[in-house]
Amino acid sequence: MSEYLQAGANFLWIELECGIVFADTALAASESGKRVSNIRNAKTAHTTILRFIPRVAITDLKAFANRFEELNHKLVILGELSEHVLGRRLDGRILKLAVAAEALPTGSPTRQKITERIKAEMLEYFEREKHPQYDTDRRLQGKRV
């Protein structure tokens, strides 16, 4: 790998790690100003990675993708990314939110916010189960049984 490509890969790794540190600091911050500035810095790192990733060859792409997913989840918790990043499956979203909540101190306002979001996700699920949108299994529509 040329020095140019290696420098680009190193830059993105550093940007990713800084974004995660800023997101962690924002999650732990009790002061509003500190929280806002760290969220802004984490979001800037995220945007920078998305901008430059097509131009750079990352050698350990799986590890990079895992860390980038971690940054995405923290930005979702902070309200900076929509929850579609967490996935479509309800159980997967709840599990990812629960893991994030466990990493925070028990009395933390962010942990409380995540817990409320998990409750809302579960209530939505149970409401859909009580009142399905259709009477029959859609997989059977148009097929002879």
N, C-alpha and C. Protein backbone atom coordinates (compact mmCIF):
# COMPACT_ATOMS: atom_id res chain seq x y z
N MET A 1 0.85 -1.17 0.00
CA MET A 1 0.00 0.00 0.00
C MET A 1 0.90 1.24 0.00
N SER A 2 0.56 2.18 -0.85
CA SER A 2 1.38 3.39 -0.93
C SER A 2 1.26 4.21 0.36
N GLU A 3 2.22 5.08 0.55
CA GLU A 3 2.21 5.92 1.75
C GLU A 3 0.98 6.81 1.78
N TYR A 4 0.54 7.26 0.60
CA TYR A 4 -0.64 8.12 0.51
C TYR A 4 -1.88 7.38 1.00
N LEU A 5 -2.06 6.15 0.52
CA LEU A 5 -3.22 5.37 0.93
C LEU A 5 -3.16 5.00 2.41
N GLN A 6 -1.96 4.69 2.89
CA GLN A 6 -1.80 4.36 4.30
C GLN A 6 -2.11 5.57 5.18
N ALA A 7 -1.67 6.74 4.74
CA ALA A 7 -1.95 7.96 5.50
C ALA A 7 -3.46 8.22 5.56
N GLY A 8 -4.15 7.98 4.44
CA GLY A 8 -5.60 8.16 4.41
C GLY A 8 -6.31 7.19 5.34
N ALA A 9 -5.87 5.94 5.34
CA ALA A 9 -6.46 4.93 6.23
C ALA A 9 -6.21 5.30 7.69
N ASN A 10 -5.01 5.73 8.01
CA ASN A 10 -4.69 6.15 9.38
C ASN A 10 -5.56 7.32 9.81
N PHE A 11 -5.74 8.28 8.89
CA PHE A 11 -6.58 9.45 9.17
C PHE A 11 -8.00 9.02 9.53
N LEU A 12 -8.57 8.10 8.75
CA LEU A 12 -9.94 7.67 9.02
C LEU A 12 -10.05 6.90 10.34
N TRP A 13 -9.04 6.08 10.65
CA TRP A 13 -9.06 5.37 11.94
C TRP A 13 -9.00 6.37 13.09
N ILE A 14 -8.15 7.37 12.97
CA ILE A 14 -8.04 8.38 14.03
C ILE A 14 -9.35 9.16 14.16
N GLU A 15 -9.92 9.52 13.02
CA GLU A 15 -11.19 10.25 13.01
C GLU A 15 -12.29 9.41 13.69
N LEU A 16 -12.32 8.14 13.39
CA LEU A 16 -13.31 7.23 13.98
C LEU A 16 -13.14 7.13 15.50
N GLU A 17 -11.92 6.92 15.93
CA GLU A 17 -11.66 6.80 17.37
C GLU A 17 -11.99 8.11 18.10
N CYS A 18 -11.65 9.23 17.48
CA CYS A 18 -11.99 10.53 18.09
C CYS A 18 -13.50 10.71 18.17
N GLY A 19 -14.21 10.32 17.11
CA GLY A 19 -15.66 10.42 17.11
C GLY A 19 -16.28 9.61 18.24
N ILE A 20 -15.76 8.42 18.47
CA ILE A 20 -16.27 7.57 19.56
C ILE A 20 -15.98 8.20 20.92
N VAL A 21 -14.79 8.75 21.08
CA VAL A 21 -14.44 9.41 22.35
C VAL A 21 -15.35 10.62 22.58
N PHE A 22 -15.58 11.43 21.54
CA PHE A 22 -16.48 12.58 21.68
C PHE A 22 -17.89 12.13 22.03
N ALA A 23 -18.37 11.06 21.40
CA ALA A 23 -19.71 10.55 21.69
C ALA A 23 -19.80 10.04 23.13
N ASP A 24 -18.78 9.32 23.57
CA ASP A 24 -18.75 8.83 24.96
C ASP A 24 -18.76 9.99 25.95
N THR A 25 -17.97 11.01 25.64
CA THR A 25 -17.90 12.19 26.52
C THR A 25 -19.25 12.89 26.56
N ALA A 26 -19.92 12.99 25.42
CA ALA A 26 -21.24 13.62 25.37
C ALA A 26 -22.25 12.82 26.17
N LEU A 27 -22.19 11.50 26.08
CA LEU A 27 -23.11 10.65 26.83
C LEU A 27 -22.93 10.79 28.34
N ALA A 28 -21.69 11.01 28.76
CA ALA A 28 -21.39 11.10 30.18
C ALA A 28 -21.50 12.53 30.73
N ALA A 29 -21.60 13.52 29.85
CA ALA A 29 -21.58 14.92 30.28
C ALA A 29 -22.87 15.31 30.99
N SER A 30 -22.72 16.03 32.08
CA SER A 30 -23.89 16.55 32.79
C SER A 30 -24.13 18.02 32.41
N GLU A 31 -23.11 18.69 31.97
CA GLU A 31 -23.21 20.09 31.57
C GLU A 31 -23.67 20.18 30.12
N SER A 32 -24.68 20.98 29.87
CA SER A 32 -25.30 21.08 28.55
C SER A 32 -24.32 21.56 27.47
N GLY A 33 -23.53 22.57 27.77
CA GLY A 33 -22.59 23.11 26.79
C GLY A 33 -21.54 22.09 26.38
N LYS A 34 -21.04 21.37 27.35
CA LYS A 34 -20.03 20.33 27.07
C LYS A 34 -20.65 19.22 26.23
N ARG A 35 -21.87 18.87 26.56
CA ARG A 35 -22.58 17.83 25.82
C ARG A 35 -22.78 18.24 24.36
N VAL A 36 -23.25 19.44 24.13
CA VAL A 36 -23.53 19.93 22.77
C VAL A 36 -22.26 19.98 21.94
N SER A 37 -21.17 20.49 22.50
CA SER A 37 -19.94 20.60 21.71
C SER A 37 -19.37 19.22 21.39
N ASN A 38 -19.47 18.28 22.31
CA ASN A 38 -18.97 16.93 22.04
C ASN A 38 -19.85 16.19 21.03
N ILE A 39 -21.15 16.42 21.08
CA ILE A 39 -22.04 15.85 20.06
C ILE A 39 -21.67 16.40 18.69
N ARG A 40 -21.46 17.70 18.61
CA ARG A 40 -21.09 18.32 17.33
C ARG A 40 -19.78 17.72 16.80
N ASN A 41 -18.80 17.54 17.66
CA ASN A 41 -17.53 16.96 17.23
C ASN A 41 -17.68 15.50 16.78
N ALA A 42 -18.49 14.73 17.49
CA ALA A 42 -18.73 13.33 17.10
C ALA A 42 -19.44 13.27 15.76
N LYS A 43 -20.41 14.13 15.56
CA LYS A 43 -21.15 14.17 14.28
C LYS A 43 -20.23 14.61 13.15
N THR A 44 -19.33 15.54 13.40
CA THR A 44 -18.36 15.97 12.38
C THR A 44 -17.45 14.81 11.99
N ALA A 45 -16.99 14.04 12.96
CA ALA A 45 -16.16 12.88 12.67
C ALA A 45 -16.93 11.88 11.80
N HIS A 46 -18.18 11.65 12.13
CA HIS A 46 -19.03 10.73 11.37
C HIS A 46 -19.16 11.20 9.92
N THR A 47 -19.45 12.47 9.74
CA THR A 47 -19.61 13.04 8.40
C THR A 47 -18.31 12.96 7.61
N THR A 48 -17.21 13.23 8.26
CA THR A 48 -15.90 13.17 7.60
C THR A 48 -15.59 11.75 7.13
N ILE A 49 -15.88 10.78 7.96
CA ILE A 49 -15.64 9.38 7.58
C ILE A 49 -16.47 9.02 6.36
N LEU A 50 -17.76 9.38 6.38
CA LEU A 50 -18.62 9.08 5.24
C LEU A 50 -18.12 9.76 3.96
N ARG A 51 -17.56 10.94 4.10
CA ARG A 51 -17.08 11.68 2.94
C ARG A 51 -15.84 11.04 2.32
N PHE A 52 -14.92 10.57 3.16
CA PHE A 52 -13.63 10.11 2.65
C PHE A 52 -13.49 8.60 2.50
N ILE A 53 -14.39 7.82 3.08
CA ILE A 53 -14.25 6.36 3.03
C ILE A 53 -14.21 5.81 1.60
N PRO A 54 -14.93 6.38 0.63
CA PRO A 54 -14.84 5.82 -0.73
C PRO A 54 -13.47 5.98 -1.38
N ARG A 55 -12.67 6.90 -0.88
CA ARG A 55 -11.37 7.20 -1.50
C ARG A 55 -10.19 6.50 -0.82
N VAL A 56 -10.47 5.76 0.24
CA VAL A 56 -9.39 5.20 1.04
C VAL A 56 -9.54 3.68 1.12
N ALA A 57 -8.43 2.98 1.09
CA ALA A 57 -8.44 1.52 1.24
C ALA A 57 -8.11 1.18 2.69
N ILE A 58 -9.10 0.65 3.39
CA ILE A 58 -8.92 0.22 4.78
C ILE A 58 -8.52 -1.25 4.76
N THR A 59 -7.43 -1.59 5.42
CA THR A 59 -6.97 -2.98 5.38
C THR A 59 -7.86 -3.91 6.21
N ASP A 60 -8.23 -3.53 7.41
CA ASP A 60 -9.10 -4.36 8.26
C ASP A 60 -10.50 -3.75 8.25
N LEU A 61 -11.20 -3.97 7.16
CA LEU A 61 -12.49 -3.34 6.94
C LEU A 61 -13.54 -3.82 7.96
N LYS A 62 -13.48 -5.08 8.37
CA LYS A 62 -14.46 -5.60 9.33
C LYS A 62 -14.33 -4.89 10.68
N ALA A 63 -13.11 -4.73 11.15
CA ALA A 63 -12.89 -4.04 12.42
C ALA A 63 -13.34 -2.58 12.31
N PHE A 64 -13.04 -1.96 11.18
CA PHE A 64 -13.44 -0.56 10.97
C PHE A 64 -14.96 -0.46 10.97
N ALA A 65 -15.63 -1.39 10.27
CA ALA A 65 -17.09 -1.38 10.19
C ALA A 65 -17.72 -1.57 11.57
N ASN A 66 -17.14 -2.44 12.39
CA ASN A 66 -17.67 -2.66 13.74
C ASN A 66 -17.55 -1.40 14.59
N ARG A 67 -16.41 -0.74 14.51
CA ARG A 67 -16.22 0.50 15.28
C ARG A 67 -17.12 1.61 14.76
N PHE A 68 -17.30 1.67 13.43
CA PHE A 68 -18.17 2.69 12.84
C PHE A 68 -19.62 2.45 13.26
N GLU A 69 -20.02 1.20 13.35
CA GLU A 69 -21.37 0.88 13.82
C GLU A 69 -21.54 1.33 15.27
N GLU A 70 -20.49 1.18 16.06
CA GLU A 70 -20.53 1.66 17.45
C GLU A 70 -20.75 3.17 17.50
N LEU A 71 -20.04 3.90 16.64
CA LEU A 71 -20.24 5.35 16.57
C LEU A 71 -21.66 5.67 16.14
N ASN A 72 -22.18 4.96 15.16
CA ASN A 72 -23.56 5.17 14.71
C ASN A 72 -24.55 5.01 15.86
N HIS A 73 -24.40 3.94 16.64
CA HIS A 73 -25.33 3.68 17.74
C HIS A 73 -25.27 4.78 18.79
N LYS A 74 -24.08 5.25 19.06
CA LYS A 74 -23.96 6.32 20.05
C LYS A 74 -24.60 7.60 19.54
N LEU A 75 -24.46 7.87 18.25
CA LEU A 75 -25.10 9.06 17.68
C LEU A 75 -26.62 8.92 17.64
N VAL A 76 -27.12 7.71 17.49
CA VAL A 76 -28.57 7.48 17.57
C VAL A 76 -29.06 7.78 18.98
N ILE A 77 -28.34 7.28 19.96
CA ILE A 77 -28.71 7.51 21.36
C ILE A 77 -28.68 9.00 21.68
N LEU A 78 -27.73 9.70 21.11
CA LEU A 78 -27.61 11.15 21.34
C LEU A 78 -28.63 11.95 20.52
N GLY A 79 -29.38 11.26 19.66
CA GLY A 79 -30.40 11.94 18.87
C GLY A 79 -29.90 12.57 17.59
N GLU A 80 -28.70 12.21 17.15
CA GLU A 80 -28.11 12.82 15.96
C GLU A 80 -28.35 12.01 14.68
N LEU A 81 -28.67 10.75 14.81
CA LEU A 81 -28.99 9.91 13.65
C LEU A 81 -30.35 9.27 13.91
N SER A 82 -31.09 9.00 12.84
CA SER A 82 -32.39 8.35 13.02
C SER A 82 -32.19 6.89 13.38
N GLU A 83 -33.19 6.32 14.02
CA GLU A 83 -33.04 4.95 14.49
C GLU A 83 -33.03 3.91 13.39
N HIS A 84 -33.26 4.28 12.13
CA HIS A 84 -33.17 3.28 11.06
C HIS A 84 -31.76 2.69 10.99
N VAL A 85 -30.80 3.41 11.55
CA VAL A 85 -29.43 2.90 11.60
C VAL A 85 -29.35 1.66 12.48
N LEU A 86 -30.24 1.58 13.46
CA LEU A 86 -30.24 0.44 14.37
C LEU A 86 -30.80 -0.81 13.72
N GLY A 87 -31.51 -0.66 12.64
CA GLY A 87 -32.07 -1.82 11.93
C GLY A 87 -33.58 -1.84 11.98
N ARG A 88 -34.14 -2.71 11.18
CA ARG A 88 -35.59 -2.79 11.07
C ARG A 88 -36.20 -3.70 12.12
N ARG A 89 -35.47 -4.71 12.53
CA ARG A 89 -36.03 -5.67 13.48
C ARG A 89 -36.10 -5.08 14.88
N LEU A 90 -37.27 -5.17 15.47
CA LEU A 90 -37.51 -4.60 16.79
C LEU A 90 -36.61 -5.21 17.84
N ASP A 91 -36.47 -6.54 17.83
CA ASP A 91 -35.64 -7.18 18.86
C ASP A 91 -34.19 -6.75 18.75
N GLY A 92 -33.69 -6.54 17.54
CA GLY A 92 -32.32 -6.06 17.35
C GLY A 92 -32.14 -4.65 17.87
N ARG A 93 -33.12 -3.78 17.60
CA ARG A 93 -33.04 -2.40 18.09
C ARG A 93 -33.05 -2.37 19.61
N ILE A 94 -33.95 -3.15 20.21
CA ILE A 94 -34.04 -3.16 21.67
C ILE A 94 -32.75 -3.69 22.29
N LEU A 95 -32.20 -4.75 21.73
CA LEU A 95 -30.95 -5.31 22.25
C LEU A 95 -29.81 -4.30 22.15
N LYS A 96 -29.68 -3.63 21.03
CA LYS A 96 -28.61 -2.63 20.86
C LYS A 96 -28.78 -1.47 21.83
N LEU A 97 -30.02 -1.03 22.03
CA LEU A 97 -30.26 0.05 22.99
C LEU A 97 -29.96 -0.41 24.42
N ALA A 98 -30.32 -1.64 24.75
CA ALA A 98 -30.07 -2.17 26.09
C ALA A 98 -28.57 -2.26 26.38
N VAL A 99 -27.80 -2.71 25.40
CA VAL A 99 -26.35 -2.79 25.57
C VAL A 99 -25.77 -1.40 25.82
N ALA A 100 -26.26 -0.42 25.06
CA ALA A 100 -25.78 0.96 25.24
C ALA A 100 -26.16 1.48 26.63
N ALA A 101 -27.35 1.16 27.10
CA ALA A 101 -27.79 1.64 28.42
C ALA A 101 -26.95 1.04 29.53
N GLU A 102 -26.59 -0.23 29.40
CA GLU A 102 -25.80 -0.89 30.45
C GLU A 102 -24.43 -0.28 30.61
N ALA A 103 -23.92 0.37 29.57
CA ALA A 103 -22.59 0.96 29.64
C ALA A 103 -22.60 2.30 30.38
N LEU A 104 -23.77 2.82 30.68
CA LEU A 104 -23.89 4.13 31.33
C LEU A 104 -24.16 3.97 32.83
N PRO A 105 -23.79 4.99 33.62
CA PRO A 105 -24.08 4.93 35.05
C PRO A 105 -25.59 4.84 35.31
N THR A 106 -25.98 4.19 36.39
CA THR A 106 -27.38 3.93 36.69
C THR A 106 -28.23 5.19 36.75
N GLY A 107 -27.79 6.24 37.36
CA GLY A 107 -28.59 7.45 37.51
C GLY A 107 -28.48 8.43 36.36
N SER A 108 -27.77 8.08 35.34
CA SER A 108 -27.52 8.98 34.21
C SER A 108 -28.79 9.35 33.46
N PRO A 109 -28.95 10.63 33.10
CA PRO A 109 -30.12 11.04 32.31
C PRO A 109 -30.17 10.35 30.95
N THR A 110 -29.01 10.10 30.37
CA THR A 110 -28.98 9.43 29.07
C THR A 110 -29.47 8.00 29.20
N ARG A 111 -29.09 7.32 30.28
CA ARG A 111 -29.57 5.96 30.50
C ARG A 111 -31.09 5.95 30.67
N GLN A 112 -31.60 6.93 31.37
CA GLN A 112 -33.05 7.04 31.55
C GLN A 112 -33.73 7.26 30.20
N LYS A 113 -33.14 8.09 29.36
CA LYS A 113 -33.69 8.37 28.03
C LYS A 113 -33.71 7.09 27.18
N ILE A 114 -32.65 6.31 27.25
CA ILE A 114 -32.58 5.05 26.49
C ILE A 114 -33.62 4.07 27.02
N THR A 115 -33.77 4.01 28.34
CA THR A 115 -34.76 3.11 28.94
C THR A 115 -36.17 3.48 28.49
N GLU A 116 -36.46 4.76 28.44
CA GLU A 116 -37.77 5.21 27.96
C GLU A 116 -37.97 4.84 26.49
N ARG A 117 -36.94 4.93 25.71
CA ARG A 117 -37.02 4.57 24.30
C ARG A 117 -37.28 3.07 24.13
N ILE A 118 -36.62 2.26 24.95
CA ILE A 118 -36.85 0.81 24.92
C ILE A 118 -38.31 0.50 25.27
N LYS A 119 -38.82 1.17 26.30
CA LYS A 119 -40.22 0.96 26.69
C LYS A 119 -41.16 1.33 25.55
N ALA A 120 -40.87 2.44 24.88
CA ALA A 120 -41.71 2.87 23.75
C ALA A 120 -41.67 1.86 22.61
N GLU A 121 -40.48 1.33 22.33
CA GLU A 121 -40.34 0.32 21.27
C GLU A 121 -41.16 -0.92 21.62
N MET A 122 -41.10 -1.34 22.88
CA MET A 122 -41.83 -2.54 23.30
C MET A 122 -43.34 -2.30 23.27
N LEU A 123 -43.78 -1.13 23.71
CA LEU A 123 -45.21 -0.82 23.65
C LEU A 123 -45.72 -0.83 22.22
N GLU A 124 -44.92 -0.26 21.31
CA GLU A 124 -45.30 -0.26 19.90
C GLU A 124 -45.45 -1.69 19.39
N TYR A 125 -44.53 -2.54 19.77
CA TYR A 125 -44.58 -3.94 19.34
C TYR A 125 -45.86 -4.60 19.85
N PHE A 126 -46.17 -4.43 21.14
CA PHE A 126 -47.35 -5.08 21.70
C PHE A 126 -48.64 -4.52 21.11
N GLU A 127 -48.67 -3.24 20.80
CA GLU A 127 -49.84 -2.66 20.15
C GLU A 127 -50.04 -3.25 18.76
N ARG A 128 -48.96 -3.44 18.03
CA ARG A 128 -49.06 -4.05 16.70
C ARG A 128 -49.55 -5.49 16.80
N GLU A 129 -49.12 -6.19 17.84
CA GLU A 129 -49.55 -7.58 18.02
C GLU A 129 -51.04 -7.64 18.38
N LYS A 130 -51.52 -6.69 19.17
CA LYS A 130 -52.93 -6.67 19.55
C LYS A 130 -53.83 -6.29 18.37
N HIS A 131 -53.34 -5.41 17.52
CA HIS A 131 -54.13 -4.89 16.40
C HIS A 131 -53.35 -5.02 15.10
N PRO A 132 -53.28 -6.24 14.55
CA PRO A 132 -52.54 -6.39 13.29
C PRO A 132 -53.20 -5.59 12.17
N GLN A 133 -52.41 -5.14 11.21
CA GLN A 133 -52.92 -4.31 10.12
C GLN A 133 -53.71 -5.13 9.11
N TYR A 134 -53.53 -6.43 9.10
CA TYR A 134 -54.23 -7.27 8.13
C TYR A 134 -54.69 -8.54 8.83
N ASP A 135 -55.75 -9.13 8.26
CA ASP A 135 -56.36 -10.30 8.90
C ASP A 135 -55.69 -11.61 8.54
N THR A 136 -55.04 -11.68 7.40
CA THR A 136 -54.44 -12.95 6.97
C THR A 136 -52.94 -12.81 6.85
N ASP A 137 -52.30 -13.92 6.78
CA ASP A 137 -50.86 -13.96 6.59
C ASP A 137 -50.55 -13.53 5.16
N ARG A 138 -49.79 -12.48 4.98
CA ARG A 138 -49.50 -11.96 3.65
C ARG A 138 -48.72 -12.94 2.80
N ARG A 139 -48.00 -13.85 3.41
CA ARG A 139 -47.23 -14.82 2.64
C ARG A 139 -48.14 -15.76 1.88
N LEU A 140 -49.38 -15.93 2.34
CA LEU A 140 -50.31 -16.84 1.70
C LEU A 140 -51.16 -16.17 0.62
N GLN A 141 -51.13 -14.84 0.54
CA GLN A 141 -51.94 -14.14 -0.45
C GLN A 141 -51.49 -14.51 -1.86
N GLY A 142 -52.49 -14.85 -2.68
CA GLY A 142 -52.19 -15.18 -4.08
C GLY A 142 -51.70 -16.59 -4.28
N LYS A 143 -51.58 -17.37 -3.23
CA LYS A 143 -51.11 -18.75 -3.34
C LYS A 143 -52.27 -19.68 -3.00
N ARG A 144 -52.29 -20.78 -3.66
CA ARG A 144 -53.29 -21.79 -3.34
C ARG A 144 -52.80 -22.62 -2.17
N VAL A 145 -53.68 -22.86 -1.25
CA VAL A 145 -53.33 -23.64 -0.07
C VAL A 145 -53.87 -25.04 -0.21
